[in-house]
Every structure is written in structure tokens, then in C-alpha cells.
Amino acid sequence: MEFTTDIFTLLPPASRKFELAGVSLPTNKDVYYRAKQREIIDQYAAARNFLRETETDDWGHWFNSVENETNNTAFQLIFTTHFYEAALMFYNIVVDLSWTMCYVSAEYACYKGDEPIDFSGIKSIDEAYRLLRKAENTVTSPSAVENPFLYLKSMCPDFESAIDLIIDFWKDFFDSVIRANYNFIKHKGKPAYVEIEALRPTRFMNIYLGKDKVQVPSDIRDVQKSLNLKNSINDLIKFDDEELFPYIRKLLELLEEAIKPSPMI
């Protein structure tokens, strides 16, 4: 599987040259932003690695093949669902981390209730670590009532474009099939994939009740959420290429402009 974009171009260059004269020391804000930038790209890479694995033909390190080809096909499909679901999880993690990256990067005193979380200035490593963990607990989804983004926009106009981008992306994404599949697998259960179910034995029986002959459940497949594995994988590929990568790239551009992080970090 080949992707049309390179996610590692979203990171700052590994080596940089700059004049020391006039260069400011990195603040907590700079370090927080670079840390979250790296974490997002690492999770993005994991998503793509698992998505690539859905096309593997090297099954020998996953299971021992058997003489029955139907069983071999079933094993391959089962592992492919594992790879798909792992990729789905990581892609959604990238979306969620984008909110945190923007929030903790802002140079202002944000509040949770009446308790300030002051990111300004330069602090000790222990204090900076504690503040970042505290701030991460404050972030919620852009549509949550207690979300801090509207307050952030009013207090930090430099971040308005980045916040608007996050909110607009979330409006389109939160009720998408990809988010719905993620929420189902995370909170509700394991889908029944049509490709695997096609290989299973036929139903033991069908039960109909009443004069209208209404069919009632007689097999667990009657009540399981059904997904088409191939279509679901293709949806992720399209989402990565057409939606997620442009969103993360633009968000990083806007945050770079707002933060102007020190070249020393």
C-alpha cells in the first residue's frame, strides 16, 4: 500500500542552522508544541503501519497454515480485521491529539474552574511535566459544553484560525462512518464482518412468529453490527489521503505561525 503523502515531512528538519545572536530560548510553550507534534506523527505512523498490514501476503508469522483453504482464508480475514481495527483506533487518536496539541501550545493562563494552569515563562522540568499532564486532562472534544476552545479564541486571537480549523473539521468528522465505527468498537462491541460471515456455516434455523410470520432472532448474527471489511479499509485510505493529512498539515502550519517556536527546540 502506497500513500500519496509523507507524514514525516510534517516534522521540523532533523538538523537546522541558525544564528545564535538574537535567538530566544525555548519556552514551555515551544517544548509542549514540539512534544505533541512528535506524538501525533508517531501515532499517525502507527495508523499507516497497521493499514498497510491489511494488504500483507506474509501470513507465516501470524498463523500456521492448514490444509483447509477455507480455514486459511478465514484466518487471514480475522487478522486483517485486527489490523483494520488497530489502524482505525490510531487514526482517531491522531484526531483527538490535534485538540490537545493546539490547547497546550497556547501562551496564556487557561482555567479549569477557578484553578489556573499557567504555561507562561520557563519552568523547571518537574513543573513543566506536571503542568502538561494537568492541561491534557482539561481538553475535551470541540463540541463538548465544557470545551475551552471558545474561551481560548477570545483570549488568544493568534490561535483563532487554528481553533476554527479544529472546530470545522470536527463538525464534519464527529458523525462520520469512521468515527462511528471507532466508537462502536471502543465502547460497544466487535463487528461481524461480511467477508468472514460468508465463510461460516449456514443458519441452524429460522424462527417466524404470528400470523404475519415475523422473523425473530435465532442467530447471534441477527443482532450484531455488520461491516464490510474491504469497504471499511478503503474508507480509511480515502480519509487519510483526502481529509486527515490536509487537516494536520494545515493545523501545524497555523500553529507554527502563531507560536513561532524557538529554532533551538
Protein backbone atom coordinates (compact mmCIF):
# COMPACT_ATOMS: atom_id res chain seq x y z
CA MET A 1 0.00 0.00 0.00
CA GLU A 2 1.42 3.35 -1.05
CA PHE A 3 0.28 6.67 0.40
CA THR A 4 0.44 9.84 -1.67
CA THR A 5 1.85 11.89 1.22
CA ASP A 6 4.80 11.62 3.59
CA ILE A 7 3.78 12.27 7.18
CA PHE A 8 7.37 12.79 8.29
CA THR A 9 7.52 15.99 6.24
CA LEU A 10 5.21 17.38 8.93
CA LEU A 11 8.09 17.32 11.43
CA PRO A 12 10.78 20.01 11.66
CA PRO A 13 14.07 19.15 9.91
CA ALA A 14 16.33 16.81 11.86
CA SER A 15 19.19 19.32 11.56
CA ARG A 16 18.90 23.09 11.43
CA LYS A 17 21.29 26.01 11.19
CA PHE A 18 20.60 29.36 12.81
CA GLU A 19 22.47 32.34 14.19
CA LEU A 20 22.69 32.28 17.99
CA ALA A 21 22.60 36.06 18.18
CA GLY A 22 19.04 37.12 18.89
CA VAL A 23 17.64 33.60 19.17
CA SER A 24 15.28 33.19 22.10
CA LEU A 25 15.50 30.24 24.45
CA PRO A 26 12.65 27.72 24.08
CA THR A 27 9.73 28.35 26.42
CA ASN A 28 7.42 25.73 27.90
CA LYS A 29 5.00 26.56 25.10
CA ASP A 30 7.60 25.69 22.46
CA VAL A 31 8.51 22.39 24.11
CA TYR A 32 4.87 21.40 24.62
CA TYR A 33 4.08 22.08 20.98
CA ARG A 34 7.06 20.12 19.65
CA ALA A 35 6.29 17.23 22.01
CA LYS A 36 2.69 16.98 20.83
CA GLN A 37 3.76 17.40 17.21
CA ARG A 38 6.08 14.40 17.55
CA GLU A 39 3.46 12.34 19.38
CA ILE A 40 0.85 12.98 16.69
CA ILE A 41 3.20 11.96 13.88
CA ASP A 42 4.26 8.82 15.78
CA GLN A 43 0.61 7.80 16.19
CA TYR A 44 -0.08 8.70 12.55
CA ALA A 45 2.78 6.41 11.52
CA ALA A 46 1.29 3.60 13.61
CA ALA A 47 -2.08 4.06 11.88
CA ARG A 48 -0.46 3.73 8.47
CA ASN A 49 1.64 0.75 9.52
CA PHE A 50 -1.43 -1.21 10.57
CA LEU A 51 -3.36 -0.12 7.49
CA ARG A 52 -0.52 -1.33 5.27
CA GLU A 53 -0.60 -4.67 7.06
CA THR A 54 -4.14 -5.25 5.79
CA GLU A 55 -2.54 -5.95 2.41
CA THR A 56 0.18 -8.29 3.65
CA ASP A 57 0.78 -11.63 1.95
CA ASP A 58 3.29 -12.75 4.58
CA TRP A 59 0.97 -14.74 6.80
CA GLY A 60 3.58 -17.17 8.10
CA HIS A 61 4.46 -15.06 11.14
CA TRP A 62 0.80 -14.59 12.08
CA PHE A 63 -0.51 -18.17 11.96
CA ASN A 64 0.39 -21.65 10.78
CA SER A 65 -1.47 -22.52 7.61
CA VAL A 66 -3.65 -25.61 7.46
CA GLU A 67 -4.73 -27.86 4.61
CA ASN A 68 -8.25 -26.47 4.55
CA GLU A 69 -8.11 -23.38 2.33
CA THR A 70 -11.39 -22.05 3.67
CA ASN A 71 -9.89 -22.03 7.15
CA ASN A 72 -6.73 -20.32 5.87
CA THR A 73 -8.88 -17.65 4.25
CA ALA A 74 -10.82 -17.22 7.47
CA PHE A 75 -7.61 -16.82 9.48
CA GLN A 76 -6.33 -14.20 7.03
CA LEU A 77 -9.56 -12.25 7.25
CA ILE A 78 -9.62 -12.42 11.03
CA PHE A 79 -6.10 -10.98 11.27
CA THR A 80 -7.00 -8.36 8.68
CA THR A 81 -9.84 -7.21 10.92
CA HIS A 82 -7.31 -6.85 13.75
CA PHE A 83 -5.09 -4.66 11.54
CA TYR A 84 -8.06 -2.60 10.36
CA GLU A 85 -9.35 -2.01 13.87
CA ALA A 86 -5.89 -1.05 15.14
CA ALA A 87 -5.48 1.42 12.28
CA LEU A 88 -8.96 2.81 12.96
CA MET A 89 -8.04 3.38 16.61
CA PHE A 90 -4.78 5.15 15.78
CA TYR A 91 -6.38 7.40 13.16
CA ASN A 92 -8.95 8.55 15.70
CA ILE A 93 -6.20 9.06 18.27
CA VAL A 94 -4.50 11.44 15.82
CA VAL A 95 -7.70 13.49 15.57
CA ASP A 96 -8.08 13.64 19.35
CA LEU A 97 -4.43 14.59 19.87
CA SER A 98 -4.81 17.51 17.47
CA TRP A 99 -7.06 19.22 20.02
CA THR A 100 -4.55 18.72 22.79
CA MET A 101 -1.68 19.96 20.67
CA CYS A 102 -3.46 23.24 19.99
CA TYR A 103 -4.64 23.70 23.56
CA VAL A 104 -1.37 23.13 25.38
CA SER A 105 0.59 25.15 22.82
CA ALA A 106 -1.19 28.41 23.60
CA GLU A 107 0.74 31.02 25.56
CA TYR A 108 -1.83 32.08 28.10
CA ALA A 109 -3.19 31.16 31.53
CA CYS A 110 -6.07 28.76 30.93
CA TYR A 111 -8.54 27.81 33.60
CA LYS A 112 -10.34 24.72 34.74
CA GLY A 113 -12.97 26.05 37.06
CA ASP A 114 -11.17 28.65 39.18
CA GLU A 115 -7.82 26.88 39.20
CA PRO A 116 -5.24 28.46 36.85
CA ILE A 117 -2.88 26.43 34.72
CA ASP A 118 -0.15 28.93 33.90
CA PHE A 119 2.02 27.90 30.93
CA SER A 120 3.90 31.18 30.63
CA GLY A 121 7.63 31.62 31.07
CA ILE A 122 10.30 28.98 31.66
CA LYS A 123 9.81 26.45 34.42
CA SER A 124 11.71 23.51 35.84
CA ILE A 125 11.39 20.12 34.13
CA ASP A 126 9.33 18.72 37.00
CA GLU A 127 6.96 21.69 36.99
CA ALA A 128 6.64 21.72 33.19
CA TYR A 129 5.87 17.99 33.20
CA ARG A 130 3.22 18.44 35.91
CA LEU A 131 1.55 21.34 34.11
CA LEU A 132 1.36 19.49 30.81
CA ARG A 133 -0.29 16.45 32.42
CA LYS A 134 -2.73 18.80 34.12
CA ALA A 135 -3.56 20.60 30.88
CA GLU A 136 -4.09 17.33 29.00
CA ASN A 137 -6.85 16.45 31.45
CA THR A 138 -8.63 19.70 30.66
CA VAL A 139 -9.10 19.12 26.93
CA THR A 140 -12.42 17.73 25.69
CA SER A 141 -13.96 17.29 22.25
CA PRO A 142 -14.63 20.54 20.34
CA SER A 143 -18.40 20.03 20.66
CA ALA A 144 -18.44 19.41 24.42
CA VAL A 145 -20.20 22.02 26.54
CA GLU A 146 -17.18 22.50 28.81
CA ASN A 147 -14.71 22.71 25.94
CA PRO A 148 -12.17 25.55 26.44
CA PHE A 149 -11.70 26.47 22.77
CA LEU A 150 -14.20 29.33 22.62
CA TYR A 151 -12.59 30.89 25.67
CA LEU A 152 -9.18 30.33 24.11
CA LYS A 153 -10.27 32.14 20.94
CA SER A 154 -11.36 35.18 22.92
CA MET A 155 -8.16 35.30 24.97
CA CYS A 156 -5.65 34.33 22.27
CA PRO A 157 -6.61 35.75 18.87
CA ASP A 158 -3.35 34.43 17.38
CA PHE A 159 -4.81 30.94 17.70
CA GLU A 160 -8.23 31.77 16.25
CA SER A 161 -7.52 30.30 12.80
CA ALA A 162 -6.17 27.06 14.25
CA ILE A 163 -9.17 26.70 16.57
CA ASP A 164 -11.63 27.41 13.76
CA LEU A 165 -9.91 24.72 11.68
CA ILE A 166 -10.27 22.20 14.50
CA ILE A 167 -13.94 23.02 15.05
CA ASP A 168 -14.78 22.89 11.32
CA PHE A 169 -13.01 19.56 10.87
CA TRP A 170 -14.79 18.10 13.90
CA LYS A 171 -18.22 19.20 12.62
CA ASP A 172 -17.71 17.02 9.55
CA PHE A 173 -15.94 14.17 11.32
CA PHE A 174 -17.82 13.53 14.56
CA ASP A 175 -20.79 11.82 12.88
CA SER A 176 -18.80 10.16 10.09
CA VAL A 177 -18.75 6.42 9.48
CA ILE A 178 -15.12 6.27 10.59
CA ARG A 179 -15.85 7.90 13.94
CA ALA A 180 -18.99 5.79 14.39
CA ASN A 181 -17.05 2.56 13.75
CA TYR A 182 -14.36 3.68 16.19
CA ASN A 183 -16.88 4.49 18.91
CA PHE A 184 -18.67 1.19 18.40
CA ILE A 185 -15.50 -0.89 18.65
CA LYS A 186 -14.18 1.13 21.57
CA HIS A 187 -17.36 1.18 23.64
CA LYS A 188 -19.91 -1.35 22.38
CA GLY A 189 -18.59 -4.50 20.75
CA LYS A 190 -16.96 -6.39 17.90
CA PRO A 191 -18.49 -6.01 14.43
CA ALA A 192 -19.41 -9.02 12.34
CA TYR A 193 -17.55 -8.66 9.03
CA VAL A 194 -19.49 -9.86 5.99
CA GLU A 195 -16.44 -11.47 4.39
CA ILE A 196 -15.91 -13.70 7.43
CA GLU A 197 -19.60 -14.44 7.95
CA ALA A 198 -19.83 -15.65 4.34
CA LEU A 199 -17.42 -18.46 5.26
CA ARG A 200 -19.34 -19.57 8.33
CA PRO A 201 -21.92 -22.41 8.30
CA THR A 202 -25.44 -21.52 7.30
CA ARG A 203 -28.01 -20.72 9.96
CA PHE A 204 -29.17 -23.62 12.09
CA MET A 205 -32.78 -22.49 11.88
CA ASN A 206 -35.12 -19.59 11.20
CA ILE A 207 -37.97 -18.73 13.55
CA TYR A 208 -41.13 -16.90 12.48
CA LEU A 209 -43.94 -15.90 14.82
CA GLY A 210 -47.55 -14.77 14.45
CA LYS A 211 -49.87 -14.73 11.53
CA ASP A 212 -47.64 -12.21 9.78
CA LYS A 213 -44.68 -14.60 10.07
CA VAL A 214 -42.36 -12.02 11.63
CA GLN A 215 -38.84 -13.40 11.82
CA VAL A 216 -37.26 -13.18 15.28
CA PRO A 217 -33.58 -13.57 16.20
CA SER A 218 -32.31 -17.13 16.22
CA ASP A 219 -28.62 -16.48 15.48
CA ILE A 220 -26.15 -14.06 17.04
CA ARG A 221 -25.55 -12.58 13.59
CA ASP A 222 -29.11 -11.27 13.64
CA VAL A 223 -28.17 -8.68 16.26
CA GLN A 224 -24.50 -7.97 15.54
CA LYS A 225 -23.32 -4.80 13.82
CA SER A 226 -22.26 -5.74 10.30
CA LEU A 227 -19.32 -4.20 8.45
CA ASN A 228 -17.84 -4.80 5.04
CA LEU A 229 -14.11 -5.18 5.71
CA LYS A 230 -12.88 -4.20 2.24
CA ASN A 231 -15.07 -1.09 2.13
CA SER A 232 -14.04 -0.10 5.65
CA ILE A 233 -10.35 -0.32 4.75
CA ASN A 234 -10.92 1.73 1.60
CA ASP A 235 -12.76 4.34 3.69
CA LEU A 236 -9.69 4.69 5.92
CA ILE A 237 -7.35 5.08 2.94
CA LYS A 238 -9.56 7.79 1.48
CA PHE A 239 -9.90 9.51 4.86
CA ASP A 240 -6.13 9.59 5.32
CA ASP A 241 -5.41 10.98 1.88
CA GLU A 242 -8.28 13.44 1.40
CA GLU A 243 -9.14 14.61 4.91
CA LEU A 244 -6.76 13.81 7.74
CA PHE A 245 -3.39 14.66 6.16
CA PRO A 246 -4.53 18.05 4.79
CA TYR A 247 -6.08 18.85 8.18
CA ILE A 248 -2.98 18.01 10.23
CA ARG A 249 -0.69 19.76 7.75
CA LYS A 250 -2.76 22.96 7.84
CA LEU A 251 -3.10 22.86 11.62
CA LEU A 252 0.66 22.57 12.05
CA GLU A 253 1.19 25.47 9.66
CA LEU A 254 -1.20 27.67 11.64
CA LEU A 255 0.34 26.70 14.98
CA GLU A 256 3.86 27.34 13.69
CA GLU A 257 2.73 30.80 12.65
CA ALA A 258 1.05 31.51 15.98
CA ILE A 259 3.73 30.04 18.24
CA LYS A 260 6.92 30.81 16.29
CA PRO A 261 8.79 28.18 18.28
CA SER A 262 12.42 28.70 19.06
CA PRO A 263 14.69 27.04 16.47
CA MET A 264 16.58 25.57 19.40
CA ILE A 265 13.83 23.01 20.04
